[in-house]
C-alpha atoms as a PDB file:
ATOM      1  CA  UNK A   1     148.641 -16.026 140.707  1.00  0.00           C
ATOM      2  CA  UNK A   2     146.886 -16.186 137.397  1.00  0.00           C
ATOM      3  CA  UNK A   3     148.936 -14.882 134.257  1.00  0.00           C
ATOM      4  CA  UNK A   4     147.498 -11.486 133.223  1.00  0.00           C
ATOM      5  CA  UNK A   5     145.982 -10.568 129.657  1.00  0.00           C
ATOM      6  CA  UNK A   6     146.311  -6.813 128.705  1.00  0.00           C
ATOM      7  CA  UNK A   7     143.632  -5.844 126.654  1.00  0.00           C
ATOM      8  CA  UNK A   8     142.441  -2.561 125.047  1.00  0.00           C
ATOM      9  CA  UNK A   9     140.198  -1.009 122.369  1.00  0.00           C
ATOM     10  CA  UNK A  10     141.258   0.067 119.064  1.00  0.00           C
ATOM     11  CA  UNK A  11     141.242   3.747 119.738  1.00  0.00           C
ATOM     12  CA  UNK A  12     144.803   3.249 121.582  1.00  0.00           C
ATOM     13  CA  UNK A  13     146.121   3.530 118.134  1.00  0.00           C
ATOM     14  CA  UNK A  14     148.994   1.235 118.818  1.00  0.00           C
ATOM     15  CA  UNK A  15     151.122  -0.027 115.838  1.00  0.00           C
ATOM     16  CA  UNK A  16     150.798  -3.844 114.970  1.00  0.00           C
ATOM     17  CA  UNK A  17     154.173  -4.356 115.737  1.00  0.00           C
ATOM     18  CA  UNK A  18     153.758  -2.913 119.401  1.00  0.00           C
ATOM     19  CA  UNK A  19     150.531  -5.207 119.738  1.00  0.00           C
ATOM     20  CA  UNK A  20     152.419  -8.340 118.728  1.00  0.00           C
ATOM     21  CA  UNK A  21     155.721  -7.357 120.672  1.00  0.00           C
ATOM     22  CA  UNK A  22     153.675  -6.881 123.878  1.00  0.00           C
ATOM     23  CA  UNK A  23     151.155  -9.638 123.443  1.00  0.00           C
ATOM     24  CA  UNK A  24     148.157  -7.133 123.527  1.00  0.00           C
ATOM     25  CA  UNK A  25     144.452  -7.941 122.652  1.00  0.00           C
ATOM     26  CA  UNK A  26     142.855  -5.193 120.765  1.00  0.00           C
ATOM     27  CA  UNK A  27     138.948  -4.842 120.802  1.00  0.00           C
ATOM     28  CA  UNK A  28     137.509  -2.626 117.748  1.00  0.00           C
ATOM     29  CA  UNK A  29     135.136  -0.077 117.952  1.00  0.00           C
ATOM     30  CA  UNK A  30     132.587   0.571 115.510  1.00  0.00           C
ATOM     31  CA  UNK A  31     132.260   2.895 112.266  1.00  0.00           C
ATOM     32  CA  UNK A  32     129.286   3.248 110.123  1.00  0.00           C
ATOM     33  CA  UNK A  33     128.540   5.776 107.355  1.00  0.00           C
ATOM     34  CA  UNK A  34     125.133   7.268 106.109  1.00  0.00           C
ATOM     35  CA  UNK A  35     123.293   5.255 103.383  1.00  0.00           C
ATOM     36  CA  UNK A  36     125.778   2.389 103.990  1.00  0.00           C
ATOM     37  CA  UNK A  37     124.267  -0.667 105.895  1.00  0.00           C
ATOM     38  CA  UNK A  38     127.730  -2.126 106.795  1.00  0.00           C
ATOM     39  CA  UNK A  39     129.023  -2.152 110.379  1.00  0.00           C
ATOM     40  CA  UNK A  40     132.514  -1.508 110.151  1.00  0.00           C
ATOM     41  CA  UNK A  41     135.171  -2.401 112.757  1.00  0.00           C
ATOM     42  CA  UNK A  42     138.061  -0.033 113.292  1.00  0.00           C
ATOM     43  CA  UNK A  43     141.226  -1.479 112.122  1.00  0.00           C
ATOM     44  CA  UNK A  44     139.802  -4.773 111.204  1.00  0.00           C
ATOM     45  CA  UNK A  45     137.427  -4.100 108.111  1.00  0.00           C
ATOM     46  CA  UNK A  46     137.902  -0.385 107.691  1.00  0.00           C
ATOM     47  CA  UNK A  47     141.340   2.057 107.445  1.00  0.00           C
ATOM     48  CA  UNK A  48     141.576   5.614 108.107  1.00  0.00           C
ATOM     49  CA  UNK A  49     142.323   6.045 104.282  1.00  0.00           C
ATOM     50  CA  UNK A  50     138.970   4.412 103.558  1.00  0.00           C
ATOM     51  CA  UNK A  51     137.350   6.517 105.851  1.00  0.00           C
ATOM     52  CA  UNK A  52     138.688   9.577 104.277  1.00  0.00           C
ATOM     53  CA  UNK A  53     137.693   8.252 100.698  1.00  0.00           C
ATOM     54  CA  UNK A  54     133.906   7.435 101.778  1.00  0.00           C
ATOM     55  CA  UNK A  55     133.885  10.616 103.554  1.00  0.00           C
ATOM     56  CA  UNK A  56     134.948  12.659 100.417  1.00  0.00           C
ATOM     57  CA  UNK A  57     132.613  10.511  98.299  1.00  0.00           C
ATOM     58  CA  UNK A  58     129.527  11.197 100.274  1.00  0.00           C
ATOM     59  CA  UNK A  59     130.348  14.317 101.622  1.00  0.00           C
ATOM     60  CA  UNK A  60     129.675  13.123 105.189  1.00  0.00           C
ATOM     61  CA  UNK A  61     131.894  12.118 107.950  1.00  0.00           C
ATOM     62  CA  UNK A  62     131.330   8.623 109.632  1.00  0.00           C
ATOM     63  CA  UNK A  63     129.432   7.963 112.899  1.00  0.00           C
ATOM     64  CA  UNK A  64     131.700   5.923 115.559  1.00  0.00           C
ATOM     65  CA  UNK A  65     130.110   3.410 117.942  1.00  0.00           C
ATOM     66  CA  UNK A  66     131.346   2.003 121.227  1.00  0.00           C
ATOM     67  CA  UNK A  67     131.992  -1.582 122.036  1.00  0.00           C
ATOM     68  CA  UNK A  68     128.485  -2.620 123.719  1.00  0.00           C
ATOM     69  CA  UNK A  69     128.179  -4.901 126.828  1.00  0.00           C
ATOM     70  CA  UNK A  70     127.377  -8.026 124.973  1.00  0.00           C
ATOM     71  CA  UNK A  71     130.368  -7.861 122.780  1.00  0.00           C
ATOM     72  CA  UNK A  72     132.586  -7.020 125.827  1.00  0.00           C
ATOM     73  CA  UNK A  73     131.235  -9.820 127.797  1.00  0.00           C
ATOM     74  CA  UNK A  74     132.290 -12.156 124.701  1.00  0.00           C
ATOM     75  CA  UNK A  75     135.641 -10.627 124.330  1.00  0.00           C
ATOM     76  CA  UNK A  76     136.416 -11.343 128.145  1.00  0.00           C
ATOM     77  CA  UNK A  77     134.883 -14.737 128.334  1.00  0.00           C
ATOM     78  CA  UNK A  78     137.492 -16.960 126.499  1.00  0.00           C
ATOM     79  CA  UNK A  79     140.319 -15.554 128.509  1.00  0.00           C
ATOM     80  CA  UNK A  80     138.674 -16.143 132.026  1.00  0.00           C
ATOM     81  CA  UNK A  81     137.592 -19.607 130.858  1.00  0.00           C
ATOM     82  CA  UNK A  82     141.495 -20.372 129.915  1.00  0.00           C
ATOM     83  CA  UNK A  83     142.316 -19.106 133.647  1.00  0.00           C
ATOM     84  CA  UNK A  84     143.768 -15.661 132.865  1.00  0.00           C
ATOM     85  CA  UNK A  85     143.077 -12.434 134.482  1.00  0.00           C
ATOM     86  CA  UNK A  86     142.408  -9.629 132.349  1.00  0.00           C
ATOM     87  CA  UNK A  87     143.113  -5.879 132.602  1.00  0.00           C
ATOM     88  CA  UNK A  88     141.483  -3.458 130.377  1.00  0.00           C
ATOM     89  CA  UNK A  89     141.685   0.012 129.167  1.00  0.00           C
ATOM     90  CA  UNK A  90     140.269   2.064 126.248  1.00  0.00           C
ATOM     91  CA  UNK A  91     138.873   5.333 125.208  1.00  0.00           C
ATOM     92  CA  UNK A  92     138.195   7.524 128.251  1.00  0.00           C
ATOM     93  CA  UNK A  93     134.704   7.320 129.670  1.00  0.00           C
ATOM     94  CA  UNK A  94     134.251  11.120 129.065  1.00  0.00           C
ATOM     95  CA  UNK A  95     134.343  10.301 125.152  1.00  0.00           C
ATOM     96  CA  UNK A  96     132.572   6.960 124.977  1.00  0.00           C
ATOM     97  CA  UNK A  97     130.498   4.494 126.778  1.00  0.00           C
ATOM     98  CA  UNK A  98     133.121   1.864 126.115  1.00  0.00           C
ATOM     99  CA  UNK A  99     134.332   2.055 129.648  1.00  0.00           C
ATOM    100  CA  UNK A 100     131.081   1.805 131.305  1.00  0.00           C
ATOM    101  CA  UNK A 101     130.206  -1.202 129.031  1.00  0.00           C
ATOM    102  CA  UNK A 102     133.525  -2.947 130.002  1.00  0.00           C
ATOM    103  CA  UNK A 103     132.795  -2.352 133.711  1.00  0.00           C
ATOM    104  CA  UNK A 104     129.415  -3.813 133.420  1.00  0.00           C
ATOM    105  CA  UNK A 105     130.837  -6.854 131.343  1.00  0.00           C
ATOM    106  CA  UNK A 106     133.276  -7.388 133.994  1.00  0.00           C
ATOM    107  CA  UNK A 107     130.702  -7.925 136.545  1.00  0.00           C
ATOM    108  CA  UNK A 108     129.509 -10.925 134.730  1.00  0.00           C
ATOM    109  CA  UNK A 109     132.658 -12.953 135.800  1.00  0.00           C
ATOM    110  CA  UNK A 110     133.833 -13.943 139.229  1.00  0.00           C
ATOM    111  CA  UNK A 111     135.163 -11.044 141.309  1.00  0.00           C
ATOM    112  CA  UNK A 112     138.706 -10.246 141.000  1.00  0.00           C
ATOM    113  CA  UNK A 113     139.230 -11.626 137.671  1.00  0.00           C
ATOM    114  CA  UNK A 114     138.801  -8.452 135.547  1.00  0.00           C
ATOM    115  CA  UNK A 115     140.109  -4.983 136.327  1.00  0.00           C
ATOM    116  CA  UNK A 116     138.772  -2.018 134.125  1.00  0.00           C
ATOM    117  CA  UNK A 117     141.077   1.360 134.090  1.00  0.00           C
ATOM    118  CA  UNK A 118     139.571   4.485 132.968  1.00  0.00           C
ATOM    119  CA  UNK A 119     142.292   6.110 130.738  1.00  0.00           C
ATOM    120  CA  UNK A 120     140.629   9.665 130.820  1.00  0.00           C
ATOM    121  CA  UNK A 121     142.487   9.586 127.135  1.00  0.00           C
ATOM    122  CA  UNK A 122     142.351   8.867 123.647  1.00  0.00           C
ATOM    123  CA  UNK A 123     144.875   7.499 120.759  1.00  0.00           C
ATOM    124  CA  UNK A 124     147.985   6.981 122.052  1.00  0.00           C
ATOM    125  CA  UNK A 125     147.402   8.731 125.415  1.00  0.00           C
ATOM    126  CA  UNK A 126     145.676   5.559 125.966  1.00  0.00           C
ATOM    127  CA  UNK A 127     148.347   3.282 124.482  1.00  0.00           C
ATOM    128  CA  UNK A 128     150.884   4.844 126.732  1.00  0.00           C
ATOM    129  CA  UNK A 129     149.053   3.440 129.539  1.00  0.00           C
ATOM    130  CA  UNK A 130     148.672   0.022 127.750  1.00  0.00           C
ATOM    131  CA  UNK A 131     152.479  -0.212 127.535  1.00  0.00           C
ATOM    132  CA  UNK A 132     152.644   0.524 131.265  1.00  0.00           C
ATOM    133  CA  UNK A 133     150.272  -2.246 131.640  1.00  0.00           C
ATOM    134  CA  UNK A 134     152.486  -4.724 129.738  1.00  0.00           C
ATOM    135  CA  UNK A 135     155.715  -3.456 131.777  1.00  0.00           C
ATOM    136  CA  UNK A 136     154.306  -4.108 135.104  1.00  0.00           C
ATOM    137  CA  UNK A 137     152.594  -7.418 133.728  1.00  0.00           C
ATOM    138  CA  UNK A 138     156.014  -8.626 132.637  1.00  0.00           C
ATOM    139  CA  UNK A 139     157.674  -7.462 136.012  1.00  0.00           C
ATOM    140  CA  UNK A 140     155.485 -10.210 137.568  1.00  0.00           C
ATOM    141  CA  UNK A 141     152.693  -7.886 139.226  1.00  0.00           C
ATOM    142  CA  UNK A 142     149.255  -9.196 139.623  1.00  0.00           C
ATOM    143  CA  UNK A 143     146.273  -7.809 137.663  1.00  0.00           C
ATOM    144  CA  UNK A 144     145.074  -5.776 140.901  1.00  0.00           C
ATOM    145  CA  UNK A 145     148.671  -4.266 141.376  1.00  0.00           C
ATOM    146  CA  UNK A 146     148.870  -3.313 137.740  1.00  0.00           C
ATOM    147  CA  UNK A 147     145.414  -1.669 137.757  1.00  0.00           C
ATOM    148  CA  UNK A 148     146.228   0.214 141.143  1.00  0.00           C
ATOM    149  CA  UNK A 149     149.742   1.511 139.513  1.00  0.00           C
ATOM    150  CA  UNK A 150     148.264   2.647 136.164  1.00  0.00           C
ATOM    151  CA  UNK A 151     145.441   4.487 137.576  1.00  0.00           C
ATOM    152  CA  UNK A 152     148.109   6.736 139.637  1.00  0.00           C
ATOM    153  CA  UNK A 153     149.348   7.574 136.066  1.00  0.00           C
ATOM    154  CA  UNK A 154     146.352   8.560 134.249  1.00  0.00           C
ATOM    155  CA  UNK A 155     146.337  12.110 135.537  1.00  0.00           C
ATOM    156  CA  UNK A 156     150.096  12.522 134.412  1.00  0.00           C
ATOM    157  CA  UNK A 157     149.473  11.518 130.607  1.00  0.00           C
ATOM    158  CA  UNK A 158     150.079  14.473 127.990  1.00  0.00           C
ATOM    159  CA  UNK A 159     147.908  14.149 125.063  1.00  0.00           C
ATOM    160  CA  UNK A 160     147.837  17.038 122.573  1.00  0.00           C
ATOM    161  CA  UNK A 161     146.879  17.206 118.779  1.00  0.00           C
ATOM    162  CA  UNK A 162     147.167  19.872 116.274  1.00  0.00           C
ATOM    163  CA  UNK A 163     144.329  19.947 113.915  1.00  0.00           C
ATOM    164  CA  UNK A 164     144.969  21.241 110.341  1.00  0.00           C
ATOM    165  CA  UNK A 165     141.366  21.658 109.180  1.00  0.00           C
ATOM    166  CA  UNK A 166     137.911  21.716 110.775  1.00  0.00           C
ATOM    167  CA  UNK A 167     135.514  20.566 108.136  1.00  0.00           C
ATOM    168  CA  UNK A 168     135.509  16.888 109.668  1.00  0.00           C
ATOM    169  CA  UNK A 169     134.729  18.366 113.100  1.00  0.00           C
ATOM    170  CA  UNK A 170     131.942  20.493 111.230  1.00  0.00           C
ATOM    171  CA  UNK A 171     130.376  17.534 109.438  1.00  0.00           C
ATOM    172  CA  UNK A 172     130.478  15.618 112.681  1.00  0.00           C
ATOM    173  CA  UNK A 173     128.407  18.471 114.572  1.00  0.00           C
ATOM    174  CA  UNK A 174     131.515  19.480 116.774  1.00  0.00           C
ATOM    175  CA  UNK A 175     132.028  23.130 115.604  1.00  0.00           C
ATOM    176  CA  UNK A 176     129.789  25.359 113.950  1.00  0.00           C
ATOM    177  CA  UNK A 177     129.875  26.481 110.138  1.00  0.00           C
ATOM    178  CA  UNK A 178     130.910  29.894 111.334  1.00  0.00           C
ATOM    179  CA  UNK A 179     133.920  28.531 113.386  1.00  0.00           C
ATOM    180  CA  UNK A 180     134.917  26.435 110.542  1.00  0.00           C
ATOM    181  CA  UNK A 181     134.741  29.407 107.970  1.00  0.00           C
ATOM    182  CA  UNK A 182     136.601  31.760 110.242  1.00  0.00           C
ATOM    183  CA  UNK A 183     139.363  29.257 111.171  1.00  0.00           C
ATOM    184  CA  UNK A 184     140.002  28.917 107.221  1.00  0.00           C
ATOM    185  CA  UNK A 185     139.833  32.627 106.541  1.00  0.00           C
ATOM    186  CA  UNK A 186     142.312  33.569 109.367  1.00  0.00           C
ATOM    187  CA  UNK A 187     144.234  30.294 109.004  1.00  0.00           C
ATOM    188  CA  UNK A 188     143.682  29.382 112.468  1.00  0.00           C
ATOM    189  CA  UNK A 189     144.843  25.887 113.525  1.00  0.00           C
ATOM    190  CA  UNK A 190     143.466  24.567 117.067  1.00  0.00           C
ATOM    191  CA  UNK A 191     145.716  22.552 119.536  1.00  0.00           C
ATOM    192  CA  UNK A 192     143.730  20.271 121.350  1.00  0.00           C
ATOM    193  CA  UNK A 193     144.350  18.265 124.720  1.00  0.00           C
ATOM    194  CA  UNK A 194     142.737  15.956 126.926  1.00  0.00           C
ATOM    195  CA  UNK A 195     141.709  17.650 129.953  1.00  0.00           C
ATOM    196  CA  UNK A 196     139.732  15.895 133.196  1.00  0.00           C
ATOM    197  CA  UNK A 197     138.463  13.254 130.693  1.00  0.00           C
ATOM    198  CA  UNK A 198     137.519  15.868 127.706  1.00  0.00           C
ATOM    199  CA  UNK A 199     138.919  17.023 124.812  1.00  0.00           C
ATOM    200  CA  UNK A 200     139.282  20.599 124.880  1.00  0.00           C
ATOM    201  CA  UNK A 201     140.920  23.239 122.417  1.00  0.00           C
ATOM    202  CA  UNK A 202     143.411  25.216 124.528  1.00  0.00           C
ATOM    203  CA  UNK A 203     145.234  26.953 121.815  1.00  0.00           C
ATOM    204  CA  UNK A 204     144.342  28.623 118.600  1.00  0.00           C
ATOM    205  CA  UNK A 205     147.330  29.259 116.503  1.00  0.00           C
ATOM    206  CA  UNK A 206     147.172  31.597 113.487  1.00  0.00           C
ATOM    207  CA  UNK A 207     149.292  31.132 110.651  1.00  0.00           C
ATOM    208  CA  UNK A 208     151.019  28.342 108.931  1.00  0.00           C
ATOM    209  CA  UNK A 209     150.248  24.861 110.129  1.00  0.00           C
ATOM    210  CA  UNK A 210     153.679  24.274 111.361  1.00  0.00           C
ATOM    211  CA  UNK A 211     153.273  26.981 113.859  1.00  0.00           C
ATOM    212  CA  UNK A 212     150.826  24.817 115.680  1.00  0.00           C
ATOM    213  CA  UNK A 213     153.258  21.910 115.545  1.00  0.00           C
ATOM    214  CA  UNK A 214     156.249  24.258 116.892  1.00  0.00           C
ATOM    215  CA  UNK A 215     153.595  25.139 119.866  1.00  0.00           C
ATOM    216  CA  UNK A 216     153.656  21.610 120.712  1.00  0.00           C
ATOM    217  CA  UNK A 217     157.613  21.135 120.556  1.00  0.00           C
ATOM    218  CA  UNK A 218     157.618  24.124 122.791  1.00  0.00           C
ATOM    219  CA  UNK A 219     155.475  22.433 125.397  1.00  0.00           C
ATOM    220  CA  UNK A 220     157.558  19.285 124.977  1.00  0.00           C
ATOM    221  CA  UNK A 221     160.672  21.159 125.838  1.00  0.00           C
ATOM    222  CA  UNK A 222     159.137  22.883 128.827  1.00  0.00           C
ATOM    223  CA  UNK A 223     157.898  19.492 130.034  1.00  0.00           C
ATOM    224  CA  UNK A 224     161.165  17.611 129.281  1.00  0.00           C
ATOM    225  CA  UNK A 225     162.670  17.731 132.919  1.00  0.00           C
ATOM    226  CA  UNK A 226     159.673  15.762 133.916  1.00  0.00           C
ATOM    227  CA  UNK A 227     158.918  13.256 131.050  1.00  0.00           C
ATOM    228  CA  UNK A 228     159.087   9.789 131.617  1.00  0.00           C
ATOM    229  CA  UNK A 229     161.509   8.864 128.641  1.00  0.00           C
ATOM    230  CA  UNK A 230     160.706   5.210 128.417  1.00  0.00           C
ATOM    231  CA  UNK A 231     157.930   5.760 125.721  1.00  0.00           C
ATOM    232  CA  UNK A 232     156.886   8.683 123.559  1.00  0.00           C
ATOM    233  CA  UNK A 233     154.384   8.654 120.642  1.00  0.00           C
ATOM    234  CA  UNK A 234     154.233  10.650 117.602  1.00  0.00           C
ATOM    235  CA  UNK A 235     150.795   9.978 116.354  1.00  0.00           C
ATOM    236  CA  UNK A 236     148.958  11.454 113.198  1.00  0.00           C
ATOM    237  CA  UNK A 237     146.076  10.732 111.045  1.00  0.00           C
ATOM    238  CA  UNK A 238     147.922  10.644 107.788  1.00  0.00           C
ATOM    239  CA  UNK A 239     148.386  12.670 104.878  1.00  0.00           C
ATOM    240  CA  UNK A 240     151.091  14.713 106.417  1.00  0.00           C
ATOM    241  CA  UNK A 241     153.602  16.929 104.619  1.00  0.00           C
ATOM    242  CA  UNK A 242     156.733  16.326 106.565  1.00  0.00           C
ATOM    243  CA  UNK A 243     155.577  17.270 109.928  1.00  0.00           C
ATOM    244  CA  UNK A 244     156.083  13.787 111.580  1.00  0.00           C
ATOM    245  CA  UNK A 245     159.793  13.976 110.666  1.00  0.00           C
ATOM    246  CA  UNK A 246     160.160  17.359 111.701  1.00  0.00           C
ATOM    247  CA  UNK A 247     158.821  16.252 115.304  1.00  0.00           C
ATOM    248  CA  UNK A 248     161.053  13.354 115.255  1.00  0.00           C
ATOM    249  CA  UNK A 249     164.030  15.084 114.373  1.00  0.00           C
ATOM    250  CA  UNK A 250     163.394  17.629 117.330  1.00  0.00           C
ATOM    251  CA  UNK A 251     162.613  14.923 120.087  1.00  0.00           C
ATOM    252  CA  UNK A 252     165.151  12.498 119.115  1.00  0.00           C
ATOM    253  CA  UNK A 253     168.042  14.470 120.827  1.00  0.00           C
ATOM    254  CA  UNK A 254     166.236  14.094 124.025  1.00  0.00           C
ATOM    255  CA  UNK A 255     164.309  10.756 123.845  1.00  0.00           C
ATOM    256  CA  UNK A 256     166.256   7.336 123.292  1.00  0.00           C
ATOM    257  CA  UNK A 257     165.594   6.307 119.700  1.00  0.00           C
ATOM    258  CA  UNK A 258     163.855   3.054 120.576  1.00  0.00           C
ATOM    259  CA  UNK A 259     161.563   4.553 122.983  1.00  0.00           C
ATOM    260  CA  UNK A 260     160.073   6.841 120.273  1.00  0.00           C
ATOM    261  CA  UNK A 261     157.071   5.334 118.619  1.00  0.00           C
ATOM    262  CA  UNK A 262     155.573   6.716 115.378  1.00  0.00           C
ATOM    263  CA  UNK A 263     151.761   5.430 114.886  1.00  0.00           C
ATOM    264  CA  UNK A 264     149.225   6.162 112.654  1.00  0.00           C
ATOM    265  CA  UNK A 265     145.512   7.056 114.028  1.00  0.00           C
ATOM    266  CA  UNK A 266     142.954   4.417 113.527  1.00  0.00           C
ATOM    267  CA  UNK A 267     139.348   5.202 111.977  1.00  0.00           C
ATOM    268  CA  UNK A 268     137.987   6.498 115.349  1.00  0.00           C
ATOM    269  CA  UNK A 269     140.062   9.438 115.920  1.00  0.00           C
ATOM    270  CA  UNK A 270     140.397  10.010 112.022  1.00  0.00           C
ATOM    271  CA  UNK A 271     136.721  10.210 111.495  1.00  0.00           C
ATOM    272  CA  UNK A 272     136.301  13.240 113.975  1.00  0.00           C
ATOM    273  CA  UNK A 273     139.698  15.145 113.319  1.00  0.00           C
ATOM    274  CA  UNK A 274     140.217  14.483 109.855  1.00  0.00           C
ATOM    275  CA  UNK A 275     143.793  14.120 107.901  1.00  0.00           C
ATOM    276  CA  UNK A 276     146.734  15.828 108.850  1.00  0.00           C
ATOM    277  CA  UNK A 277     146.110  15.892 112.678  1.00  0.00           C
ATOM    278  CA  UNK A 278     149.374  15.084 114.582  1.00  0.00           C
ATOM    279  CA  UNK A 279     150.244  14.825 118.244  1.00  0.00           C
ATOM    280  CA  UNK A 280     153.001  14.336 120.749  1.00  0.00           C
ATOM    281  CA  UNK A 281     152.144  11.986 123.603  1.00  0.00           C
ATOM    282  CA  UNK A 282     154.057  11.275 126.805  1.00  0.00           C
ATOM    283  CA  UNK A 283     153.655  10.715 130.597  1.00  0.00           C
ATOM    284  CA  UNK A 284     154.981  12.939 132.939  1.00  0.00           C
ATOM    285  CA  UNK A 285     156.807  11.991 136.224  1.00  0.00           C
ATOM    286  CA  UNK A 286     155.143  12.845 139.376  1.00  0.00           C
ATOM    287  CA  UNK A 287     157.326  15.380 141.056  1.00  0.00           C
ATOM    288  CA  UNK A 288     156.272  14.525 144.529  1.00  0.00           C
END
């Protein structure tokens, strides 16, 4: 049986410490700005803070781009040539063409050497699945068994985010000017989650931002009997004003401290949602 390489794209938003500890290979997505010819690589040549500075200076938000077929093939090639099998996952196919490009790239190599898993997720919703891949790899599973196990977990990932302000969604063409103005006037903060491979707004919380955070905590408490406590992520896009610590203090009573991971969203998520976005992400156990 060949050794297994676990590979993901940069939207998994895993911390450098988790990447190093678990021997994960991270492939960056692309970020570009209007009137700037540079093709930036998420987390490699660009940070989320730089995204905010550039967006503020230009008045526009950046565009993000998938990993193309050629790039994906070249990321796979050296590991296959060294005798590894590869399991890859990244941002869900409903949000990007990265999955499809990875699938096509895998067919450039001998059958059975590469498994590509559609996460149906983004950010550390994908990151949770990556950590499961690492767990199964370390337990000695082959690449096909890992893929089979992880695909069964995909429907049970709970990925939710509170969004503080809608100007990034508006500038990126993901909401209307009227919606943005109304949300600002009425102090509405959307709570979005991944549903069937799409990011949808399923709550609109009126009032202070902390009320939207509390909505996530309320759902966490409802889900608690079914939560897989081996890993939980608190992931934010920076510029928080204590909401991250507030969530941590609420969940630490129920999740072992070493299993709570606080990470910062990379350039892709930050480009779309803007600063002060925060989520609680975990996997639910299958009651059956």
